[in-house]
Amino acid sequence: MYTRPSFPQAEAHENGYLTCTTQPPIWFGVEVYIPPDANILHGDLITLRFQGYGQYQDVDPNPDIVETLEHYWDGIADASGYNFWIRDVERLIRPLKENAGGEASYLVTRAGTDVGRSASRFVQFDRVVPVSPAPPDPIYCWIDGNGPEP
């Protein structure tokens, strides 16, 4: 079992969420950090898996919100860890609107053989713009401005 990944952008939020005020904004990408681990060796293949959920923490997994990214570990360049970036934001992040969830975990493969995986890390997504008085339909934030979404 490897050290679980983290979502560095969520660390500034008091509850650890990804929201309209996250920096850098989630519509530019979501960062997933893989910490260094003495059991990850130079040349190991790290395969990140991201899964989106309709409801935080892990309720209603959305089969359309799944992404895998790969990276070969470099013992020198990755000595302080490696940052994956989820960049397909229209498909993977925009659907995560209100009290939604994201899960990240990774698999380590060495010389073609799976040698272990991390525990999962969950993060809550909430793109609702607080408006008072509350409108009948929620207003969501995104790169092209705030407004209702289907």
N, C-alpha and C. Protein backbone atom coordinates (compact mmCIF):
# COMPACT_ATOMS: atom_id res chain seq x y z
N MET A 1 0.85 -1.17 0.00
CA MET A 1 0.00 0.00 0.00
C MET A 1 0.90 1.24 0.00
N TYR A 2 0.67 2.10 -0.95
CA TYR A 2 1.45 3.33 -1.07
C TYR A 2 0.71 4.50 -0.44
N THR A 3 1.46 5.56 -0.15
CA THR A 3 0.89 6.77 0.43
C THR A 3 -0.19 7.34 -0.49
N ARG A 4 -1.33 7.70 0.08
CA ARG A 4 -2.43 8.20 -0.75
C ARG A 4 -2.06 9.54 -1.38
N PRO A 5 -2.63 9.84 -2.56
CA PRO A 5 -2.38 11.13 -3.20
C PRO A 5 -3.13 12.25 -2.46
N SER A 6 -2.94 13.48 -2.90
CA SER A 6 -3.67 14.60 -2.32
C SER A 6 -4.10 15.56 -3.43
N PHE A 7 -4.99 16.46 -3.07
CA PHE A 7 -5.48 17.51 -3.96
C PHE A 7 -4.98 18.85 -3.40
N PRO A 8 -3.79 19.31 -3.78
CA PRO A 8 -3.21 20.51 -3.19
C PRO A 8 -4.09 21.75 -3.26
N GLN A 9 -4.87 21.92 -4.32
CA GLN A 9 -5.72 23.10 -4.44
C GLN A 9 -6.77 23.16 -3.34
N ALA A 10 -7.16 22.02 -2.80
CA ALA A 10 -8.20 21.99 -1.76
C ALA A 10 -7.65 22.37 -0.39
N GLU A 11 -6.35 22.37 -0.22
CA GLU A 11 -5.76 22.61 1.09
C GLU A 11 -6.02 24.01 1.63
N ALA A 12 -6.24 24.99 0.75
CA ALA A 12 -6.50 26.36 1.20
C ALA A 12 -7.94 26.56 1.69
N HIS A 13 -8.85 25.67 1.32
CA HIS A 13 -10.25 25.78 1.73
C HIS A 13 -10.40 25.25 3.15
N GLU A 14 -11.18 25.94 3.97
CA GLU A 14 -11.31 25.55 5.37
C GLU A 14 -11.82 24.12 5.56
N ASN A 15 -12.62 23.63 4.61
CA ASN A 15 -13.14 22.26 4.70
C ASN A 15 -12.47 21.31 3.72
N GLY A 16 -11.46 21.79 2.98
CA GLY A 16 -10.76 20.94 2.03
C GLY A 16 -11.53 20.67 0.76
N TYR A 17 -12.40 21.61 0.34
CA TYR A 17 -13.21 21.45 -0.87
C TYR A 17 -12.54 22.12 -2.06
N LEU A 18 -13.00 21.77 -3.26
CA LEU A 18 -12.66 22.48 -4.49
C LEU A 18 -13.92 23.26 -4.88
N THR A 19 -13.79 24.60 -4.94
CA THR A 19 -14.94 25.48 -5.11
C THR A 19 -14.65 26.56 -6.14
N CYS A 20 -15.55 27.53 -6.21
CA CYS A 20 -15.41 28.68 -7.11
C CYS A 20 -14.19 29.54 -6.76
N THR A 21 -13.73 29.48 -5.53
CA THR A 21 -12.62 30.33 -5.10
C THR A 21 -11.28 29.60 -5.10
N THR A 22 -11.27 28.33 -5.51
CA THR A 22 -10.03 27.55 -5.56
C THR A 22 -9.01 28.22 -6.48
N GLN A 23 -7.76 28.22 -6.06
CA GLN A 23 -6.67 28.77 -6.87
C GLN A 23 -5.60 27.71 -7.07
N PRO A 24 -5.06 27.54 -8.28
CA PRO A 24 -5.64 28.09 -9.50
C PRO A 24 -7.05 27.53 -9.72
N PRO A 25 -7.89 28.27 -10.47
CA PRO A 25 -9.28 27.85 -10.67
C PRO A 25 -9.40 26.44 -11.26
N ILE A 26 -10.40 25.71 -10.78
CA ILE A 26 -10.58 24.32 -11.22
C ILE A 26 -10.90 24.22 -12.70
N TRP A 27 -11.38 25.29 -13.32
CA TRP A 27 -11.66 25.22 -14.77
C TRP A 27 -10.39 25.28 -15.60
N PHE A 28 -9.23 25.49 -14.96
CA PHE A 28 -7.95 25.39 -15.66
C PHE A 28 -7.28 24.05 -15.43
N GLY A 29 -7.79 23.28 -14.47
CA GLY A 29 -7.24 21.97 -14.17
C GLY A 29 -7.29 21.67 -12.69
N VAL A 30 -7.23 20.39 -12.37
CA VAL A 30 -7.21 19.95 -10.98
C VAL A 30 -5.93 19.15 -10.78
N GLU A 31 -5.19 19.54 -9.75
CA GLU A 31 -3.90 18.94 -9.46
C GLU A 31 -4.07 17.76 -8.49
N VAL A 32 -3.35 16.67 -8.79
CA VAL A 32 -3.30 15.51 -7.91
C VAL A 32 -1.83 15.23 -7.64
N TYR A 33 -1.46 15.32 -6.38
CA TYR A 33 -0.06 15.18 -5.98
C TYR A 33 0.23 13.76 -5.48
N ILE A 34 1.29 13.19 -6.03
CA ILE A 34 1.78 11.87 -5.60
C ILE A 34 3.03 12.13 -4.76
N PRO A 35 2.98 11.83 -3.47
CA PRO A 35 4.14 12.11 -2.62
C PRO A 35 5.27 11.11 -2.86
N PRO A 36 6.48 11.51 -2.52
CA PRO A 36 7.59 10.55 -2.64
C PRO A 36 7.37 9.38 -1.68
N ASP A 37 7.85 8.25 -2.09
CA ASP A 37 7.69 7.05 -1.27
C ASP A 37 8.93 6.19 -1.54
N ALA A 38 9.58 5.73 -0.48
CA ALA A 38 10.81 4.94 -0.64
C ALA A 38 10.58 3.68 -1.46
N ASN A 39 9.34 3.23 -1.57
CA ASN A 39 9.03 2.02 -2.33
C ASN A 39 8.69 2.29 -3.79
N ILE A 40 8.70 3.57 -4.20
CA ILE A 40 8.56 3.89 -5.62
C ILE A 40 9.98 4.10 -6.14
N LEU A 41 10.35 3.30 -7.13
CA LEU A 41 11.71 3.33 -7.65
C LEU A 41 11.78 4.01 -9.01
N HIS A 42 12.98 4.48 -9.33
CA HIS A 42 13.23 5.10 -10.63
C HIS A 42 12.77 4.15 -11.74
N GLY A 43 11.99 4.66 -12.66
CA GLY A 43 11.50 3.85 -13.78
C GLY A 43 10.15 3.19 -13.54
N ASP A 44 9.65 3.23 -12.30
CA ASP A 44 8.32 2.66 -12.04
C ASP A 44 7.26 3.46 -12.78
N LEU A 45 6.26 2.76 -13.28
CA LEU A 45 5.13 3.41 -13.95
C LEU A 45 4.07 3.71 -12.90
N ILE A 46 3.68 4.98 -12.81
CA ILE A 46 2.62 5.42 -11.90
C ILE A 46 1.39 5.68 -12.76
N THR A 47 0.31 4.97 -12.48
CA THR A 47 -0.95 5.15 -13.22
C THR A 47 -1.98 5.73 -12.26
N LEU A 48 -2.31 6.99 -12.49
CA LEU A 48 -3.31 7.68 -11.67
C LEU A 48 -4.69 7.36 -12.21
N ARG A 49 -5.63 7.12 -11.31
CA ARG A 49 -7.03 6.93 -11.70
C ARG A 49 -7.86 7.97 -10.97
N PHE A 50 -8.65 8.74 -11.73
CA PHE A 50 -9.57 9.72 -11.16
C PHE A 50 -10.99 9.30 -11.49
N GLN A 51 -11.86 9.34 -10.49
CA GLN A 51 -13.28 8.97 -10.65
C GLN A 51 -14.12 10.09 -10.06
N GLY A 52 -15.15 10.51 -10.81
CA GLY A 52 -16.08 11.52 -10.32
C GLY A 52 -17.37 10.88 -9.82
N TYR A 53 -17.96 11.48 -8.80
CA TYR A 53 -19.19 10.99 -8.18
C TYR A 53 -20.24 12.09 -8.16
N GLY A 54 -21.49 11.71 -8.35
CA GLY A 54 -22.59 12.65 -8.30
C GLY A 54 -22.79 13.24 -6.92
N GLN A 55 -22.39 12.49 -5.90
CA GLN A 55 -22.54 12.96 -4.53
C GLN A 55 -21.30 12.58 -3.73
N TYR A 56 -20.79 13.54 -2.97
CA TYR A 56 -19.63 13.31 -2.12
C TYR A 56 -20.02 12.34 -1.02
N GLN A 57 -19.31 11.41 -0.68
CA GLN A 57 -17.93 11.14 -0.97
C GLN A 57 -17.84 10.18 -2.14
N ASP A 58 -18.56 9.11 -2.12
CA ASP A 58 -18.42 8.11 -3.18
C ASP A 58 -19.77 7.52 -3.59
N VAL A 59 -20.79 8.39 -3.66
CA VAL A 59 -22.14 7.96 -4.03
C VAL A 59 -22.40 8.33 -5.48
N ASP A 60 -23.00 7.42 -6.22
CA ASP A 60 -23.38 7.66 -7.61
C ASP A 60 -22.15 7.89 -8.51
N PRO A 61 -21.27 6.88 -8.66
CA PRO A 61 -20.13 7.04 -9.56
C PRO A 61 -20.60 7.30 -10.98
N ASN A 62 -19.99 8.26 -11.62
CA ASN A 62 -20.36 8.62 -12.99
C ASN A 62 -19.38 7.93 -13.95
N PRO A 63 -19.85 6.98 -14.77
CA PRO A 63 -18.94 6.26 -15.66
C PRO A 63 -18.31 7.16 -16.73
N ASP A 64 -18.88 8.36 -16.94
CA ASP A 64 -18.30 9.29 -17.91
C ASP A 64 -17.19 10.14 -17.31
N ILE A 65 -17.05 10.09 -15.99
CA ILE A 65 -16.03 10.89 -15.33
C ILE A 65 -14.97 9.96 -14.75
N VAL A 66 -14.21 9.36 -15.64
CA VAL A 66 -13.11 8.49 -15.28
C VAL A 66 -11.93 8.85 -16.16
N GLU A 67 -10.77 8.98 -15.55
CA GLU A 67 -9.56 9.33 -16.30
C GLU A 67 -8.39 8.56 -15.72
N THR A 68 -7.52 8.08 -16.59
CA THR A 68 -6.26 7.51 -16.14
C THR A 68 -5.14 8.28 -16.82
N LEU A 69 -4.12 8.60 -16.04
CA LEU A 69 -2.93 9.30 -16.52
C LEU A 69 -1.71 8.51 -16.07
N GLU A 70 -0.65 8.54 -16.88
CA GLU A 70 0.54 7.75 -16.57
C GLU A 70 1.78 8.64 -16.49
N HIS A 71 2.71 8.19 -15.66
CA HIS A 71 3.99 8.89 -15.51
C HIS A 71 5.05 7.87 -15.07
N TYR A 72 6.21 7.92 -15.73
CA TYR A 72 7.34 7.10 -15.29
C TYR A 72 8.13 7.88 -14.25
N TRP A 73 8.26 7.30 -13.07
CA TRP A 73 8.91 7.95 -11.95
C TRP A 73 10.39 8.17 -12.24
N ASP A 74 10.85 9.39 -12.00
CA ASP A 74 12.26 9.74 -12.15
C ASP A 74 12.81 9.96 -10.74
N GLY A 75 13.74 9.13 -10.34
CA GLY A 75 14.26 9.17 -8.98
C GLY A 75 14.84 10.51 -8.57
N ILE A 76 15.31 11.29 -9.52
CA ILE A 76 15.88 12.60 -9.21
C ILE A 76 14.83 13.69 -9.35
N ALA A 77 14.21 13.79 -10.52
CA ALA A 77 13.22 14.85 -10.77
C ALA A 77 12.00 14.73 -9.86
N ASP A 78 11.65 13.52 -9.46
CA ASP A 78 10.45 13.30 -8.63
C ASP A 78 10.79 13.07 -7.16
N ALA A 79 11.98 13.48 -6.73
CA ALA A 79 12.41 13.26 -5.35
C ALA A 79 11.47 13.90 -4.33
N SER A 80 10.79 14.98 -4.72
CA SER A 80 9.84 15.61 -3.80
C SER A 80 8.39 15.33 -4.20
N GLY A 81 8.19 14.37 -5.08
CA GLY A 81 6.85 13.99 -5.50
C GLY A 81 6.56 14.40 -6.93
N TYR A 82 5.38 14.04 -7.41
CA TYR A 82 4.98 14.35 -8.78
C TYR A 82 3.55 14.87 -8.79
N ASN A 83 3.30 15.86 -9.64
CA ASN A 83 1.97 16.45 -9.77
C ASN A 83 1.34 16.08 -11.10
N PHE A 84 0.26 15.30 -11.05
CA PHE A 84 -0.57 15.07 -12.23
C PHE A 84 -1.53 16.25 -12.33
N TRP A 85 -1.95 16.59 -13.54
CA TRP A 85 -2.96 17.62 -13.76
C TRP A 85 -4.09 17.05 -14.60
N ILE A 86 -5.29 17.15 -14.09
CA ILE A 86 -6.48 16.75 -14.84
C ILE A 86 -6.88 17.96 -15.66
N ARG A 87 -6.67 17.88 -16.97
CA ARG A 87 -6.88 19.04 -17.86
C ARG A 87 -8.14 18.95 -18.71
N ASP A 88 -8.73 17.78 -18.82
CA ASP A 88 -9.96 17.63 -19.61
C ASP A 88 -11.13 18.08 -18.73
N VAL A 89 -11.13 19.38 -18.41
CA VAL A 89 -12.06 19.90 -17.40
C VAL A 89 -13.52 19.91 -17.84
N GLU A 90 -13.78 20.10 -19.11
CA GLU A 90 -15.18 20.10 -19.57
C GLU A 90 -15.83 18.74 -19.34
N ARG A 91 -15.09 17.67 -19.57
CA ARG A 91 -15.63 16.32 -19.40
C ARG A 91 -15.57 15.82 -17.96
N LEU A 92 -14.48 16.17 -17.26
CA LEU A 92 -14.22 15.55 -15.97
C LEU A 92 -14.55 16.41 -14.75
N ILE A 93 -14.49 17.72 -14.88
CA ILE A 93 -14.67 18.58 -13.72
C ILE A 93 -15.99 19.36 -13.77
N ARG A 94 -16.35 19.88 -14.93
CA ARG A 94 -17.58 20.68 -15.01
C ARG A 94 -18.83 19.95 -14.53
N PRO A 95 -18.98 18.65 -14.79
CA PRO A 95 -20.19 17.96 -14.29
C PRO A 95 -20.25 17.84 -12.76
N LEU A 96 -19.15 18.10 -12.08
CA LEU A 96 -19.11 18.00 -10.62
C LEU A 96 -19.57 19.34 -10.05
N LYS A 97 -20.88 19.47 -9.82
CA LYS A 97 -21.47 20.77 -9.55
C LYS A 97 -21.70 21.07 -8.08
N GLU A 98 -22.48 20.25 -7.41
CA GLU A 98 -22.92 20.58 -6.06
C GLU A 98 -22.82 19.35 -5.16
N ASN A 99 -22.00 19.46 -4.12
CA ASN A 99 -21.77 18.34 -3.19
C ASN A 99 -21.35 17.08 -3.94
N ALA A 100 -20.58 17.27 -5.00
CA ALA A 100 -20.09 16.14 -5.80
C ALA A 100 -18.75 15.68 -5.23
N GLY A 101 -18.28 14.55 -5.71
CA GLY A 101 -17.03 14.01 -5.20
C GLY A 101 -16.07 13.61 -6.29
N GLY A 102 -14.80 13.63 -5.95
CA GLY A 102 -13.75 13.13 -6.81
C GLY A 102 -12.86 12.21 -6.01
N GLU A 103 -12.38 11.17 -6.65
CA GLU A 103 -11.52 10.19 -5.98
C GLU A 103 -10.26 9.99 -6.82
N ALA A 104 -9.11 9.97 -6.17
CA ALA A 104 -7.85 9.69 -6.86
C ALA A 104 -7.12 8.58 -6.12
N SER A 105 -6.53 7.69 -6.91
CA SER A 105 -5.65 6.64 -6.38
C SER A 105 -4.67 6.31 -7.50
N TYR A 106 -3.62 5.58 -7.16
CA TYR A 106 -2.66 5.24 -8.21
C TYR A 106 -2.13 3.83 -8.01
N LEU A 107 -1.68 3.27 -9.13
CA LEU A 107 -1.10 1.94 -9.21
C LEU A 107 0.37 2.10 -9.57
N VAL A 108 1.23 1.30 -8.95
CA VAL A 108 2.66 1.29 -9.26
C VAL A 108 2.98 -0.01 -9.97
N THR A 109 3.59 0.11 -11.14
CA THR A 109 3.97 -1.05 -11.95
C THR A 109 5.49 -1.00 -12.17
N ARG A 110 6.15 -2.13 -11.97
CA ARG A 110 7.60 -2.21 -12.14
C ARG A 110 7.91 -3.35 -13.10
N ALA A 111 8.58 -3.00 -14.21
CA ALA A 111 8.97 -3.99 -15.21
C ALA A 111 7.77 -4.82 -15.67
N GLY A 112 6.62 -4.14 -15.83
CA GLY A 112 5.43 -4.80 -16.34
C GLY A 112 4.61 -5.54 -15.31
N THR A 113 5.02 -5.51 -14.04
CA THR A 113 4.30 -6.21 -12.98
C THR A 113 3.75 -5.21 -11.98
N ASP A 114 2.47 -5.34 -11.66
CA ASP A 114 1.87 -4.48 -10.64
C ASP A 114 2.50 -4.82 -9.29
N VAL A 115 3.01 -3.78 -8.59
CA VAL A 115 3.66 -4.02 -7.31
C VAL A 115 2.89 -3.41 -6.13
N GLY A 116 1.90 -2.60 -6.41
CA GLY A 116 1.11 -2.05 -5.31
C GLY A 116 0.26 -0.88 -5.75
N ARG A 117 -0.63 -0.48 -4.85
CA ARG A 117 -1.49 0.66 -5.14
C ARG A 117 -1.64 1.50 -3.88
N SER A 118 -2.10 2.72 -4.10
CA SER A 118 -2.32 3.62 -2.97
C SER A 118 -3.74 3.47 -2.45
N ALA A 119 -3.96 3.98 -1.27
CA ALA A 119 -5.32 4.16 -0.78
C ALA A 119 -5.92 5.33 -1.56
N SER A 120 -7.23 5.45 -1.55
CA SER A 120 -7.90 6.53 -2.26
C SER A 120 -7.94 7.79 -1.42
N ARG A 121 -7.94 8.92 -2.13
CA ARG A 121 -8.18 10.23 -1.51
C ARG A 121 -9.42 10.80 -2.17
N PHE A 122 -10.34 11.29 -1.36
CA PHE A 122 -11.57 11.90 -1.86
C PHE A 122 -11.53 13.40 -1.62
N VAL A 123 -12.18 14.13 -2.52
CA VAL A 123 -12.31 15.58 -2.37
C VAL A 123 -13.72 15.97 -2.79
N GLN A 124 -14.26 16.97 -2.11
CA GLN A 124 -15.60 17.45 -2.46
C GLN A 124 -15.50 18.60 -3.45
N PHE A 125 -16.38 18.58 -4.46
CA PHE A 125 -16.50 19.66 -5.44
C PHE A 125 -17.81 20.39 -5.18
N ASP A 126 -17.76 21.69 -5.20
CA ASP A 126 -18.98 22.48 -5.05
C ASP A 126 -18.82 23.78 -5.82
N ARG A 127 -19.49 23.88 -6.98
CA ARG A 127 -19.39 25.05 -7.86
C ARG A 127 -20.57 26.00 -7.71
N VAL A 128 -21.36 25.85 -6.64
CA VAL A 128 -22.50 26.74 -6.44
C VAL A 128 -21.99 28.10 -5.98
N VAL A 129 -22.49 29.15 -6.66
CA VAL A 129 -22.14 30.52 -6.29
C VAL A 129 -23.14 30.97 -5.23
N PRO A 130 -22.65 31.36 -4.06
CA PRO A 130 -23.58 31.82 -3.02
C PRO A 130 -24.22 33.15 -3.45
N VAL A 131 -25.53 33.14 -3.58
CA VAL A 131 -26.29 34.33 -3.99
C VAL A 131 -27.42 34.52 -2.98
N SER A 132 -27.62 35.76 -2.57
CA SER A 132 -28.70 36.04 -1.62
C SER A 132 -29.58 37.15 -2.19
N PRO A 133 -30.87 36.96 -2.26
CA PRO A 133 -31.57 35.73 -1.90
C PRO A 133 -31.31 34.63 -2.93
N ALA A 134 -31.45 33.41 -2.51
CA ALA A 134 -31.16 32.27 -3.38
C ALA A 134 -32.15 32.23 -4.55
N PRO A 135 -31.63 32.12 -5.76
CA PRO A 135 -32.51 32.00 -6.93
C PRO A 135 -33.17 30.62 -6.97
N PRO A 136 -34.24 30.45 -7.78
CA PRO A 136 -34.91 29.15 -7.85
C PRO A 136 -33.99 28.04 -8.39
N ASP A 137 -33.10 28.40 -9.31
CA ASP A 137 -32.13 27.43 -9.84
C ASP A 137 -30.74 27.86 -9.40
N PRO A 138 -29.90 26.90 -9.02
CA PRO A 138 -28.55 27.28 -8.58
C PRO A 138 -27.77 28.00 -9.69
N ILE A 139 -26.89 28.87 -9.27
CA ILE A 139 -25.95 29.55 -10.16
C ILE A 139 -24.60 28.88 -9.92
N TYR A 140 -23.95 28.47 -11.02
CA TYR A 140 -22.66 27.79 -10.92
C TYR A 140 -21.56 28.65 -11.52
N CYS A 141 -20.36 28.54 -10.97
CA CYS A 141 -19.21 29.24 -11.51
C CYS A 141 -18.53 28.38 -12.58
N TRP A 142 -17.97 29.07 -13.57
CA TRP A 142 -17.13 28.41 -14.58
C TRP A 142 -16.38 29.48 -15.32
N ILE A 143 -15.45 29.08 -16.17
CA ILE A 143 -14.56 30.03 -16.85
C ILE A 143 -15.32 31.07 -17.67
N ASP A 144 -16.45 30.68 -18.24
CA ASP A 144 -17.20 31.60 -19.09
C ASP A 144 -18.21 32.44 -18.31
N GLY A 145 -18.11 32.44 -17.00
CA GLY A 145 -18.99 33.25 -16.15
C GLY A 145 -19.92 32.39 -15.32
N ASN A 146 -20.64 33.05 -14.43
CA ASN A 146 -21.57 32.36 -13.54
C ASN A 146 -22.94 32.31 -14.16
N GLY A 147 -23.64 31.21 -13.96
CA GLY A 147 -25.00 31.08 -14.48
C GLY A 147 -25.57 29.70 -14.23
N PRO A 148 -26.84 29.52 -14.58
CA PRO A 148 -27.45 28.19 -14.45
C PRO A 148 -26.85 27.24 -15.48
N GLU A 149 -26.92 25.97 -15.18
CA GLU A 149 -26.45 24.93 -16.12
C GLU A 149 -27.50 23.84 -16.18
N PRO A 150 -27.56 23.16 -17.33
CA PRO A 150 -28.54 22.06 -17.44
C PRO A 150 -28.21 20.91 -16.50
